[in-house]
C-alpha atoms as a PDB file:
ATOM      1  CA  MET A   1     -10.541  15.842  -9.082  1.00  0.00           C
ATOM      2  CA  LEU A   2      -7.218  15.187  -6.851  1.00  0.00           C
ATOM      3  CA  LYS A   3      -9.207  14.356  -4.298  1.00  0.00           C
ATOM      4  CA  THR A   4     -10.833  11.472  -5.986  1.00  0.00           C
ATOM      5  CA  ILE A   5      -7.520  10.602  -7.443  1.00  0.00           C
ATOM      6  CA  LEU A   6      -5.745  10.296  -4.086  1.00  0.00           C
ATOM      7  CA  ILE A   7      -8.858   8.795  -2.295  1.00  0.00           C
ATOM      8  CA  VAL A   8      -8.791   6.127  -5.111  1.00  0.00           C
ATOM      9  CA  PHE A   9      -5.027   5.523  -4.546  1.00  0.00           C
ATOM     10  CA  GLU A  10      -5.551   5.251  -0.595  1.00  0.00           C
ATOM     11  CA  VAL A  11      -8.047   2.421  -1.579  1.00  0.00           C
ATOM     12  CA  LEU A  12      -4.933   1.300  -3.622  1.00  0.00           C
ATOM     13  CA  VAL A  13      -2.541   1.415  -0.424  1.00  0.00           C
ATOM     14  CA  CYS A  14      -5.079   0.249   2.188  1.00  0.00           C
ATOM     15  CA  LEU A  15      -5.271  -3.027   0.283  1.00  0.00           C
ATOM     16  CA  GLY A  16      -1.967  -3.651  -0.155  1.00  0.00           C
ATOM     17  CA  LEU A  17      -1.399  -3.067   3.811  1.00  0.00           C
ATOM     18  CA  ILE A  18      -4.011  -5.812   4.368  1.00  0.00           C
ATOM     19  CA  ILE A  19      -2.350  -7.927   2.029  1.00  0.00           C
ATOM     20  CA  THR A  20       1.053  -7.490   3.446  1.00  0.00           C
ATOM     21  CA  ILE A  21      -0.455  -7.670   6.831  1.00  0.00           C
ATOM     22  CA  LEU A  22      -2.002 -10.987   6.975  1.00  0.00           C
ATOM     23  CA  MET A  23       0.685 -12.869   4.284  1.00  0.00           C
ATOM     24  CA  GLN A  24       3.043 -12.184   7.570  1.00  0.00           C
ATOM     25  CA  SER A  25       3.549 -15.507   9.740  1.00  0.00           C
ATOM     26  CA  GLY A  26       2.506 -15.569  13.448  1.00  0.00           C
ATOM     27  CA  ARG A  27       4.685 -14.643  15.561  1.00  0.00           C
ATOM     28  CA  ALA A  28       3.593 -17.189  18.073  1.00  0.00           C
ATOM     29  CA  SER A  29       2.274 -20.162  16.988  1.00  0.00           C
ATOM     30  CA  GLY A  30       1.757 -22.916  20.309  1.00  0.00           C
ATOM     31  CA  LEU A  31       3.889 -23.059  22.970  1.00  0.00           C
ATOM     32  CA  SER A  32       7.024 -24.039  21.451  1.00  0.00           C
ATOM     33  CA  GLY A  33       6.346 -20.699  19.386  1.00  0.00           C
ATOM     34  CA  ALA A  34       5.811 -18.847  22.263  1.00  0.00           C
ATOM     35  CA  ILE A  35       9.561 -19.753  23.754  1.00  0.00           C
ATOM     36  CA  ALA A  36      11.329 -19.547  20.406  1.00  0.00           C
ATOM     37  CA  GLY A  37       9.070 -17.037  19.231  1.00  0.00           C
ATOM     38  CA  GLY A  38       9.861 -13.914  21.743  1.00  0.00           C
ATOM     39  CA  ALA A  39      13.547 -14.783  22.152  1.00  0.00           C
ATOM     40  CA  ASP A  40      13.837 -15.029  18.004  1.00  0.00           C
ATOM     41  CA  SER A  41      11.526 -11.555  17.955  1.00  0.00           C
ATOM     42  CA  LEU A  42      13.789  -9.524  20.825  1.00  0.00           C
ATOM     43  CA  LEU A  43      17.110 -10.841  18.664  1.00  0.00           C
ATOM     44  CA  GLY A  44      15.844 -10.067  15.538  1.00  0.00           C
ATOM     45  CA  LYS A  45      16.018 -13.236  13.557  1.00  0.00           C
ATOM     46  CA  LYS A  46      13.679 -12.597  10.435  1.00  0.00           C
ATOM     47  CA  LYS A  47      14.493 -13.723   7.672  1.00  0.00           C
ATOM     48  CA  GLY A  48      13.330 -14.358   3.749  1.00  0.00           C
ATOM     49  CA  LEU A  49       9.834 -13.650   3.092  1.00  0.00           C
ATOM     50  CA  ASP A  50       8.642 -12.442   6.853  1.00  0.00           C
ATOM     51  CA  GLU A  51      11.402  -9.607   6.363  1.00  0.00           C
ATOM     52  CA  PHE A  52      10.440  -8.434   2.781  1.00  0.00           C
ATOM     53  CA  LEU A  53       6.963  -8.400   3.805  1.00  0.00           C
ATOM     54  CA  SER A  54       7.583  -6.197   6.265  1.00  0.00           C
ATOM     55  CA  LYS A  55       9.617  -3.933   4.604  1.00  0.00           C
ATOM     56  CA  ILE A  56       6.660  -3.627   2.677  1.00  0.00           C
ATOM     57  CA  SER A  57       4.248  -3.114   4.670  1.00  0.00           C
ATOM     58  CA  THR A  58       5.665  -0.843   6.823  1.00  0.00           C
ATOM     59  CA  GLY A  59       6.231   1.538   3.095  1.00  0.00           C
ATOM     60  CA  LEU A  60       2.640   0.974   2.674  1.00  0.00           C
ATOM     61  CA  ALA A  61       1.647   2.660   6.412  1.00  0.00           C
ATOM     62  CA  ALA A  62       3.561   5.718   5.597  1.00  0.00           C
ATOM     63  CA  ALA A  63       1.825   6.222   2.268  1.00  0.00           C
ATOM     64  CA  PHE A  64      -1.224   5.645   4.226  1.00  0.00           C
ATOM     65  CA  PHE A  65      -0.130   7.969   6.487  1.00  0.00           C
ATOM     66  CA  ILE A  66       0.906  10.834   3.878  1.00  0.00           C
ATOM     67  CA  ILE A  67      -2.386   9.872   1.546  1.00  0.00           C
ATOM     68  CA  THR A  68      -4.489  10.620   4.216  1.00  0.00           C
ATOM     69  CA  LEU A  69      -2.704  13.714   6.018  1.00  0.00           C
ATOM     70  CA  LEU A  70      -3.432  14.853   2.249  1.00  0.00           C
ATOM     71  CA  ILE A  71      -6.881  14.331   1.966  1.00  0.00           C
ATOM     72  CA  ALA A  72      -7.498  16.466   5.148  1.00  0.00           C
ATOM     73  CA  MET A  73      -5.604  19.472   3.322  1.00  0.00           C
ATOM     74  CA  ILE A  74      -7.415  19.144   0.581  1.00  0.00           C
ATOM     75  CA  GLU A  75     -10.896  19.888   2.516  1.00  0.00           C
END
């Protein structure tokens, strides 16, 4: 019963992780993005929605990792 609940929760976290990663803007968009985007990523100029989605992605990735370990321990 507990394993089934964890698997369902893991699938939901996985879908959320996929959605948040796909919603983030790309780092390089063409030639101008390759020059300016590289400098922005080095200097840490992520603002607004991208920063928020990045934090959510980090949290969901950590949750996915922990849930996967819990499922492996149950078996």
